[in-house]
Structure formats: structure tokens, C-alpha cells
C-alpha atoms as a PDB file:
ATOM      1  CA  MET A   1       0.000   0.000   0.000  1.00  0.00           C
ATOM      2  CA  ILE A   2       1.346   3.401  -1.030  1.00  0.00           C
ATOM      3  CA  VAL A   3       0.125   6.266   1.167  1.00  0.00           C
ATOM      4  CA  ASN A   4       0.390   9.750  -0.329  1.00  0.00           C
ATOM      5  CA  VAL A   5      -0.411  13.109   1.252  1.00  0.00           C
ATOM      6  CA  VAL A   6      -1.477  16.015  -0.961  1.00  0.00           C
ATOM      7  CA  GLU A   7      -2.958  19.419  -0.204  1.00  0.00           C
ATOM      8  CA  CYS A   8      -5.826  21.696  -1.141  1.00  0.00           C
ATOM      9  CA  LEU A   9      -8.240  21.557  -4.066  1.00  0.00           C
ATOM     10  CA  SER A  10      -5.404  21.074  -6.523  1.00  0.00           C
ATOM     11  CA  GLY A  11      -4.344  17.958  -4.641  1.00  0.00           C
ATOM     12  CA  ALA A  12      -7.901  16.643  -4.484  1.00  0.00           C
ATOM     13  CA  GLN A  13      -8.247  17.035  -8.243  1.00  0.00           C
ATOM     14  CA  ARG A  14      -5.317  14.709  -8.890  1.00  0.00           C
ATOM     15  CA  ALA A  15      -5.905  12.300  -5.987  1.00  0.00           C
ATOM     16  CA  LYS A  16      -5.859   8.595  -6.884  1.00  0.00           C
ATOM     17  CA  GLY A  17      -6.982   5.348  -5.326  1.00  0.00           C
ATOM     18  CA  LEU A  18      -8.854   5.420  -2.031  1.00  0.00           C
ATOM     19  CA  VAL A  19      -9.066   9.130  -1.224  1.00  0.00           C
ATOM     20  CA  VAL A  20      -9.534  10.559   2.268  1.00  0.00           C
ATOM     21  CA  ILE A  21     -10.670  14.188   2.416  1.00  0.00           C
ATOM     22  CA  VAL A  22      -9.476  15.903   5.610  1.00  0.00           C
ATOM     23  CA  ASP A  23     -10.870  19.241   6.826  1.00  0.00           C
ATOM     24  CA  VAL A  24     -10.547  19.223  10.606  1.00  0.00           C
ATOM     25  CA  PHE A  25     -11.777  22.792  11.320  1.00  0.00           C
ATOM     26  CA  ARG A  26     -14.595  21.862  10.617  1.00  0.00           C
ATOM     27  CA  SER A  27     -16.161  20.281   7.551  1.00  0.00           C
ATOM     28  CA  THR A  28     -15.167  16.621   7.756  1.00  0.00           C
ATOM     29  CA  THR A  29     -15.445  16.713  11.537  1.00  0.00           C
ATOM     30  CA  LEU A  30     -18.972  18.083  11.371  1.00  0.00           C
ATOM     31  CA  GLY A  31     -20.026  15.410   8.891  1.00  0.00           C
ATOM     32  CA  CYS A  32     -19.623  12.754  11.572  1.00  0.00           C
ATOM     33  CA  PHE A  33     -21.669  14.804  14.037  1.00  0.00           C
ATOM     34  CA  LEU A  34     -24.453  15.234  11.476  1.00  0.00           C
ATOM     35  CA  VAL A  35     -24.761  11.529  10.777  1.00  0.00           C
ATOM     36  CA  ALA A  36     -24.420  10.591  14.450  1.00  0.00           C
ATOM     37  CA  GLY A  37     -27.099  13.168  15.235  1.00  0.00           C
ATOM     38  CA  GLY A  38     -29.630  11.348  13.105  1.00  0.00           C
ATOM     39  CA  ALA A  39     -29.664  13.212   9.787  1.00  0.00           C
ATOM     40  CA  ALA A  40     -31.739  11.175   7.328  1.00  0.00           C
ATOM     41  CA  GLU A  41     -29.741  12.303   4.317  1.00  0.00           C
ATOM     42  CA  TYR A  42     -26.423  14.131   4.227  1.00  0.00           C
ATOM     43  CA  ILE A  43     -25.211  15.666   0.971  1.00  0.00           C
ATOM     44  CA  VAL A  44     -22.302  18.003   0.299  1.00  0.00           C
ATOM     45  CA  THR A  45     -22.037  20.439  -2.577  1.00  0.00           C
ATOM     46  CA  ASP A  46     -19.836  23.275  -3.818  1.00  0.00           C
ATOM     47  CA  SER A  47     -21.873  26.492  -3.851  1.00  0.00           C
ATOM     48  CA  PHE A  48     -24.474  28.218  -1.723  1.00  0.00           C
ATOM     49  CA  GLU A  49     -26.846  28.616  -4.653  1.00  0.00           C
ATOM     50  CA  ARG A  50     -26.696  24.910  -5.441  1.00  0.00           C
ATOM     51  CA  ALA A  51     -27.138  24.034  -1.778  1.00  0.00           C
ATOM     52  CA  ARG A  52     -30.274  26.181  -1.543  1.00  0.00           C
ATOM     53  CA  SER A  53     -31.680  24.652  -4.730  1.00  0.00           C
ATOM     54  CA  MET A  54     -30.997  21.095  -3.571  1.00  0.00           C
ATOM     55  CA  ALA A  55     -32.508  21.805  -0.156  1.00  0.00           C
ATOM     56  CA  ALA A  56     -35.653  23.187  -1.786  1.00  0.00           C
ATOM     57  CA  GLU A  57     -35.974  20.150  -4.038  1.00  0.00           C
ATOM     58  CA  ARG A  58     -35.486  17.678  -1.188  1.00  0.00           C
ATOM     59  CA  GLY A  59     -37.321  19.488   1.586  1.00  0.00           C
ATOM     60  CA  GLY A  60     -34.025  19.911   3.398  1.00  0.00           C
ATOM     61  CA  LYS A  61     -31.938  22.570   5.099  1.00  0.00           C
ATOM     62  CA  VAL A  62     -28.585  24.166   4.339  1.00  0.00           C
ATOM     63  CA  ILE A  63     -25.680  23.931   6.746  1.00  0.00           C
ATOM     64  CA  GLY A  64     -22.242  25.397   6.296  1.00  0.00           C
ATOM     65  CA  GLU A  65     -19.826  28.276   6.212  1.00  0.00           C
ATOM     66  CA  LEU A  66     -18.615  30.408   3.303  1.00  0.00           C
ATOM     67  CA  VAL A  67     -16.446  33.508   3.288  1.00  0.00           C
ATOM     68  CA  ASP A  68     -18.865  35.390   1.034  1.00  0.00           C
ATOM     69  CA  VAL A  69     -22.147  34.336   2.694  1.00  0.00           C
ATOM     70  CA  PRO A  70     -23.312  35.749   6.066  1.00  0.00           C
ATOM     71  CA  PRO A  71     -23.917  33.103   8.757  1.00  0.00           C
ATOM     72  CA  ARG A  72     -27.578  34.182   9.016  1.00  0.00           C
ATOM     73  CA  GLU A  73     -28.194  32.806   5.505  1.00  0.00           C
ATOM     74  CA  PHE A  74     -27.647  29.231   6.685  1.00  0.00           C
ATOM     75  CA  ASP A  75     -30.251  27.130   8.447  1.00  0.00           C
ATOM     76  CA  TYR A  76     -27.515  25.580  10.578  1.00  0.00           C
ATOM     77  CA  LEU A  77     -23.957  26.758  11.135  1.00  0.00           C
ATOM     78  CA  ASN A  78     -20.791  24.761  10.508  1.00  0.00           C
ATOM     79  CA  SER A  79     -20.296  23.991  14.196  1.00  0.00           C
ATOM     80  CA  PRO A  80     -20.221  20.649  16.025  1.00  0.00           C
ATOM     81  CA  ALA A  81     -21.117  22.354  19.323  1.00  0.00           C
ATOM     82  CA  LEU A  82     -24.160  24.098  17.851  1.00  0.00           C
ATOM     83  CA  ILE A  83     -25.270  20.957  16.024  1.00  0.00           C
ATOM     84  CA  GLU A  84     -25.128  18.990  19.270  1.00  0.00           C
ATOM     85  CA  GLN A  85     -27.649  21.461  20.658  1.00  0.00           C
ATOM     86  CA  ALA A  86     -29.989  21.108  17.661  1.00  0.00           C
ATOM     87  CA  ASP A  87     -32.471  18.362  16.832  1.00  0.00           C
ATOM     88  CA  ILE A  88     -31.559  17.231  13.315  1.00  0.00           C
ATOM     89  CA  ARG A  89     -33.129  13.788  13.501  1.00  0.00           C
ATOM     90  CA  GLY A  90     -34.756  12.882  10.198  1.00  0.00           C
ATOM     91  CA  GLU A  91     -33.479  16.023   8.458  1.00  0.00           C
ATOM     92  CA  THR A  92     -32.084  16.222   4.943  1.00  0.00           C
ATOM     93  CA  LEU A  93     -28.977  18.396   5.223  1.00  0.00           C
ATOM     94  CA  ILE A  94     -27.070  20.022   2.383  1.00  0.00           C
ATOM     95  CA  HIS A  95     -23.570  21.009   3.489  1.00  0.00           C
ATOM     96  CA  VAL A  96     -21.388  23.609   1.771  1.00  0.00           C
ATOM     97  CA  THR A  97     -18.075  25.035   3.000  1.00  0.00           C
ATOM     98  CA  ASN A  98     -14.994  26.799   1.716  1.00  0.00           C
ATOM     99  CA  ALA A  99     -12.812  23.703   1.343  1.00  0.00           C
ATOM    100  CA  GLY A 100     -13.935  20.288   2.592  1.00  0.00           C
ATOM    101  CA  THR A 101     -17.198  19.882   0.719  1.00  0.00           C
ATOM    102  CA  ARG A 102     -15.623  21.204  -2.460  1.00  0.00           C
ATOM    103  CA  GLY A 103     -12.791  18.725  -2.116  1.00  0.00           C
ATOM    104  CA  LEU A 104     -15.257  15.865  -2.135  1.00  0.00           C
ATOM    105  CA  MET A 105     -16.716  17.208  -5.364  1.00  0.00           C
ATOM    106  CA  VAL A 106     -13.484  17.325  -7.379  1.00  0.00           C
ATOM    107  CA  CYS A 107     -12.031  13.848  -6.744  1.00  0.00           C
ATOM    108  CA  THR A 108     -12.972  12.635 -10.193  1.00  0.00           C
ATOM    109  CA  ASP A 109     -10.024  10.231 -10.513  1.00  0.00           C
ATOM    110  CA  ALA A 110     -10.609   8.504  -7.166  1.00  0.00           C
ATOM    111  CA  ASP A 111     -11.693   4.886  -6.887  1.00  0.00           C
ATOM    112  CA  GLU A 112     -13.450   5.695  -3.624  1.00  0.00           C
ATOM    113  CA  VAL A 113     -13.771   8.792  -1.420  1.00  0.00           C
ATOM    114  CA  ILE A 114     -14.284   8.987   2.331  1.00  0.00           C
ATOM    115  CA  MET A 115     -14.209  11.736   4.947  1.00  0.00           C
ATOM    116  CA  GLY A 116     -11.526  11.727   7.610  1.00  0.00           C
ATOM    117  CA  SER A 117     -10.728  13.750  10.711  1.00  0.00           C
ATOM    118  CA  PHE A 118      -9.373  13.262  14.204  1.00  0.00           C
ATOM    119  CA  VAL A 119     -12.834  12.325  15.449  1.00  0.00           C
ATOM    120  CA  ASN A 120     -12.849   9.158  13.331  1.00  0.00           C
ATOM    121  CA  ALA A 121      -9.137   8.667  12.646  1.00  0.00           C
ATOM    122  CA  GLN A 122      -8.967   5.071  13.876  1.00  0.00           C
ATOM    123  CA  ALA A 123     -12.092   4.173  11.914  1.00  0.00           C
ATOM    124  CA  VAL A 124     -10.416   5.572   8.795  1.00  0.00           C
ATOM    125  CA  VAL A 125      -7.288   3.530   9.506  1.00  0.00           C
ATOM    126  CA  ASP A 126      -9.306   0.352  10.040  1.00  0.00           C
ATOM    127  CA  TYR A 127     -11.357   0.959   6.905  1.00  0.00           C
ATOM    128  CA  VAL A 128      -8.318   1.590   4.734  1.00  0.00           C
ATOM    129  CA  ARG A 129      -6.520  -1.472   6.054  1.00  0.00           C
ATOM    130  CA  ALA A 130      -9.548  -3.651   5.397  1.00  0.00           C
ATOM    131  CA  ARG A 131      -9.907  -2.299   1.852  1.00  0.00           C
ATOM    132  CA  ASN A 132      -6.143  -2.663   1.322  1.00  0.00           C
ATOM    133  CA  PRO A 133      -5.947  -0.512  -1.823  1.00  0.00           C
ATOM    134  CA  GLU A 134      -2.760  -0.162  -3.847  1.00  0.00           C
ATOM    135  CA  VAL A 135      -2.841   3.612  -3.368  1.00  0.00           C
ATOM    136  CA  VAL A 136      -4.266   5.785  -0.610  1.00  0.00           C
ATOM    137  CA  THR A 137      -4.330   9.568  -1.016  1.00  0.00           C
ATOM    138  CA  LEU A 138      -4.867  11.716   2.059  1.00  0.00           C
ATOM    139  CA  VAL A 139      -5.974  15.215   1.053  1.00  0.00           C
ATOM    140  CA  ALA A 140      -5.270  17.970   3.602  1.00  0.00           C
ATOM    141  CA  MET A 141      -7.788  20.505   2.298  1.00  0.00           C
ATOM    142  CA  GLY A 142      -6.302  23.611   3.896  1.00  0.00           C
ATOM    143  CA  THR A 143      -7.732  27.086   4.342  1.00  0.00           C
ATOM    144  CA  GLY A 144     -10.193  27.838   1.567  1.00  0.00           C
ATOM    145  CA  GLY A 145      -8.796  24.878  -0.320  1.00  0.00           C
ATOM    146  CA  VAL A 146      -5.831  26.973  -1.435  1.00  0.00           C
ATOM    147  CA  MET A 147      -3.498  27.438   1.558  1.00  0.00           C
ATOM    148  CA  ARG A 148      -1.937  24.966   3.997  1.00  0.00           C
ATOM    149  CA  ALA A 149      -3.768  24.530   7.298  1.00  0.00           C
ATOM    150  CA  GLN A 150      -1.674  22.887   9.996  1.00  0.00           C
ATOM    151  CA  GLU A 151      -4.584  20.940  11.476  1.00  0.00           C
ATOM    152  CA  ASP A 152      -5.385  19.273   8.157  1.00  0.00           C
ATOM    153  CA  MET A 153      -1.786  18.413   7.344  1.00  0.00           C
ATOM    154  CA  MET A 154      -1.165  17.071  10.842  1.00  0.00           C
ATOM    155  CA  CYS A 155      -4.329  14.970  10.747  1.00  0.00           C
ATOM    156  CA  ALA A 156      -3.333  13.552   7.368  1.00  0.00           C
ATOM    157  CA  MET A 157       0.129  12.752   8.719  1.00  0.00           C
ATOM    158  CA  TYR A 158      -1.390  11.255  11.879  1.00  0.00           C
ATOM    159  CA  ILE A 159      -3.490   8.863   9.777  1.00  0.00           C
ATOM    160  CA  LYS A 160      -0.514   8.079   7.522  1.00  0.00           C
ATOM    161  CA  ASN A 161       1.641   7.299  10.569  1.00  0.00           C
ATOM    162  CA  GLU A 162      -1.028   5.002  11.978  1.00  0.00           C
ATOM    163  CA  LEU A 163      -1.318   3.175   8.655  1.00  0.00           C
ATOM    164  CA  GLU A 164       2.446   2.742   8.521  1.00  0.00           C
ATOM    165  CA  ASP A 165       2.827   1.841  12.217  1.00  0.00           C
ATOM    166  CA  TYR A 166       4.847   4.957  12.916  1.00  0.00           C
ATOM    167  CA  PRO A 167       4.563   6.503  16.417  1.00  0.00           C
ATOM    168  CA  ASN A 168       2.185   9.404  16.972  1.00  0.00           C
ATOM    169  CA  SER A 169       1.871  11.782  19.910  1.00  0.00           C
ATOM    170  CA  PHE A 170      -1.658  13.147  19.855  1.00  0.00           C
ATOM    171  CA  LYS A 171      -1.223  15.017  23.139  1.00  0.00           C
ATOM    172  CA  THR A 172       1.663  17.035  21.695  1.00  0.00           C
ATOM    173  CA  LEU A 173      -0.176  17.569  18.432  1.00  0.00           C
ATOM    174  CA  LYS A 174      -3.317  18.866  20.156  1.00  0.00           C
ATOM    175  CA  LYS A 175      -1.337  21.275  22.310  1.00  0.00           C
ATOM    176  CA  PHE A 176       0.368  22.687  19.217  1.00  0.00           C
ATOM    177  CA  LEU A 177      -2.833  23.037  17.206  1.00  0.00           C
ATOM    178  CA  ARG A 178      -4.554  25.040  19.929  1.00  0.00           C
ATOM    179  CA  ASP A 179      -2.239  27.940  19.077  1.00  0.00           C
ATOM    180  CA  VAL A 180      -2.268  27.862  15.264  1.00  0.00           C
ATOM    181  CA  ASP A 181      -3.844  30.773  13.410  1.00  0.00           C
ATOM    182  CA  THR A 182      -6.737  28.691  12.076  1.00  0.00           C
ATOM    183  CA  ALA A 183      -7.799  27.832  15.646  1.00  0.00           C
ATOM    184  CA  ALA A 184      -7.970  31.487  16.734  1.00  0.00           C
ATOM    185  CA  LYS A 185     -11.606  31.756  15.628  1.00  0.00           C
ATOM    186  CA  PHE A 186     -12.656  29.366  18.385  1.00  0.00           C
ATOM    187  CA  PHE A 187     -11.337  31.739  21.034  1.00  0.00           C
ATOM    188  CA  ASP A 188     -12.701  34.936  19.481  1.00  0.00           C
ATOM    189  CA  ASP A 189     -15.646  36.193  21.542  1.00  0.00           C
ATOM    190  CA  ALA A 190     -16.925  38.108  18.515  1.00  0.00           C
ATOM    191  CA  ARG A 191     -17.486  34.878  16.546  1.00  0.00           C
ATOM    192  CA  ASP A 192     -20.876  33.468  17.529  1.00  0.00           C
ATOM    193  CA  ASP A 193     -20.539  30.882  14.763  1.00  0.00           C
ATOM    194  CA  CYS A 194     -17.343  29.435  16.275  1.00  0.00           C
ATOM    195  CA  PRO A 195     -17.929  28.357  19.883  1.00  0.00           C
ATOM    196  CA  GLU A 196     -14.802  27.627  21.909  1.00  0.00           C
ATOM    197  CA  GLU A 197     -16.165  24.118  22.491  1.00  0.00           C
ATOM    198  CA  ASP A 198     -15.695  23.433  18.783  1.00  0.00           C
ATOM    199  CA  PHE A 199     -11.947  23.151  19.251  1.00  0.00           C
ATOM    200  CA  GLU A 200     -12.328  20.382  21.824  1.00  0.00           C
ATOM    201  CA  LEU A 201     -14.925  18.589  19.721  1.00  0.00           C
ATOM    202  CA  CYS A 202     -12.771  18.778  16.589  1.00  0.00           C
ATOM    203  CA  MET A 203      -9.892  17.317  18.593  1.00  0.00           C
ATOM    204  CA  ASP A 204     -11.916  14.575  20.287  1.00  0.00           C
ATOM    205  CA  LEU A 205      -9.815  11.713  18.990  1.00  0.00           C
ATOM    206  CA  ASP A 206     -11.728   8.612  17.853  1.00  0.00           C
ATOM    207  CA  ARG A 207     -15.090   9.841  19.113  1.00  0.00           C
ATOM    208  CA  PHE A 208     -16.810   7.996  16.239  1.00  0.00           C
ATOM    209  CA  ASP A 209     -16.285   4.423  15.031  1.00  0.00           C
ATOM    210  CA  PHE A 210     -17.443   4.912  11.431  1.00  0.00           C
ATOM    211  CA  VAL A 211     -16.367   6.503   8.192  1.00  0.00           C
ATOM    212  CA  LEU A 212     -18.503   8.433   5.734  1.00  0.00           C
ATOM    213  CA  LYS A 213     -18.263   7.234   2.162  1.00  0.00           C
ATOM    214  CA  GLY A 214     -19.119   9.425  -0.802  1.00  0.00           C
ATOM    215  CA  GLU A 215     -21.723   8.491  -3.432  1.00  0.00           C
ATOM    216  CA  PRO A 216     -22.188  10.890  -6.370  1.00  0.00           C
ATOM    217  CA  VAL A 217     -25.635  12.434  -6.798  1.00  0.00           C
ATOM    218  CA  GLU A 218     -26.754  15.169  -9.159  1.00  0.00           C
ATOM    219  CA  GLY A 219     -25.166  18.396  -7.962  1.00  0.00           C
ATOM    220  CA  GLY A 220     -23.285  16.884  -5.046  1.00  0.00           C
ATOM    221  CA  VAL A 221     -22.006  13.895  -3.112  1.00  0.00           C
ATOM    222  CA  ARG A 222     -24.102  11.918  -0.640  1.00  0.00           C
ATOM    223  CA  LEU A 223     -22.216  10.667   2.408  1.00  0.00           C
ATOM    224  CA  VAL A 224     -23.298   7.360   3.883  1.00  0.00           C
ATOM    225  CA  LYS A 225     -22.155   5.697   7.053  1.00  0.00           C
ATOM    226  CA  ALA A 226     -19.790   2.781   6.671  1.00  0.00           C
ATOM    227  CA  ALA A 227     -18.880   0.926   9.854  1.00  0.00           C
ATOM    228  CA  ALA A 228     -15.215   0.458  10.539  1.00  0.00           C
ATOM    229  CA  PRO A 229     -14.310  -3.200   9.850  1.00  0.00           C
ATOM    230  CA  GLN A 230     -13.798  -5.322  12.910  1.00  0.00           C
ATOM    231  CA  GLY A 231     -10.704  -7.287  13.771  1.00  0.00           C
ATOM    232  CA  GLU A 232      -8.141  -4.779  12.508  1.00  0.00           C
ATOM    233  CA  THR A 233      -5.354  -3.463  14.687  1.00  0.00           C
ATOM    234  CA  ALA A 234      -3.869  -0.008  14.705  1.00  0.00           C
END
């Protein structure tokens, strides 16, 4: 098994094999919370206009975060902490963000695409090992899909290390990531859409024991829960 790490939308576009899209703060983290919270259907897309159209067609709601769209325009915000407080059971949710959801849309050369983050890192490792593909591509989506984000690169490297039986130190990693520029929004009292609790939830290692696998639909990608295979070791 060859494990590659690439970055941003450009990396996602050329990703091969079994592709893992990583957007820790907060897209691929939130996906797990949405499914665990009981969403009936979870679809990602790449623009606010498309998300609104798909939600209207499906009787759903739009969740997300975009630099050019005010938070008030979304039905739900891109926040694990806020989603935990909401009742989304039975909802159809259309998710659109600056990087993670778009990354899922552009992996046209992938054999298979799943979401990965710290909250389901071991499930991703178990799933990849069970699938045993020739090539795995971990895509650290970065800020806006165009600039390196330390949390995404470090999560991708964490998963790569686990796959290759190389030591990890999550405690050290978490301490470092608390002070990176992309985490500052969680500690900004002026950001109602970024509760401080989101940092802890995004860094809640192995909270979930499943992966989310992408299935193309018109205008987006549906994510469905795939249980981590049993009997694998880290």
C-alpha cells in the first residue's frame, strides 16, 4: 500500500486510489456529528446557490460556512457544538463550505472517497486497512482549499503514521494546534458561529467508530455511514 499526502483543491483534483478528504476545522469533523445526530440524508455540494436549490428540491436545510455568505443565511452553522444542541433527527442536510465539501466534489479520478478527521481517525485507519488498496491519497484541504492549514496536514500525517505503524503523539499535536492561526476563531468572543467548544470537539480523537463514504448524486455527493471493519489493529 502506497500512502500519499497532498494538499488543497489542486491535490484533491489529482488524488488517486482510495481518497480521504481531511478538513478538521470543521467540515469533515462536522459530517460525523451530522450523521451521528440522526440526519436522514447528508449531501455536500460546492456552492451556496446549489445548496439552496438542492434543499428546496429535497425538503431539506442548508448547513455550512462560506467567506462570502453571512452566517444568518444558513439554516444551521458549521459547528459541532451548535449541532449537538440542535435536533436534526430525520433532516435532509445540504452542506457547503470553503474547502472540505468542495474537495469531495473534485475527486474525479478517485476509486473511492471517504471523509476523515481526528474524530474518526482510527475508523479511517481500520477501513483503509480492510480495503487494502494499492494507493491511498490523504488530502489535507487547507484554508479555503488553497493554503496549507496545519490541522489538516497534521491529521493527514497522523493517519498516515497510523497506517504505517509509525509513532504518533496526539497530546503534543493537540497542544500545538490550539495555538495555530486557524484555531484562533474558536477563542474569538466576537465569533458566535465558532464556539470555543468546537476546538475540543474537533480534537476529540476517535469519538466515532465509522467513516462516511461518498456516493455521487446530481449536484453533489451523498455521504453514507460505513462501519469500521472489525478485527483490525492499529
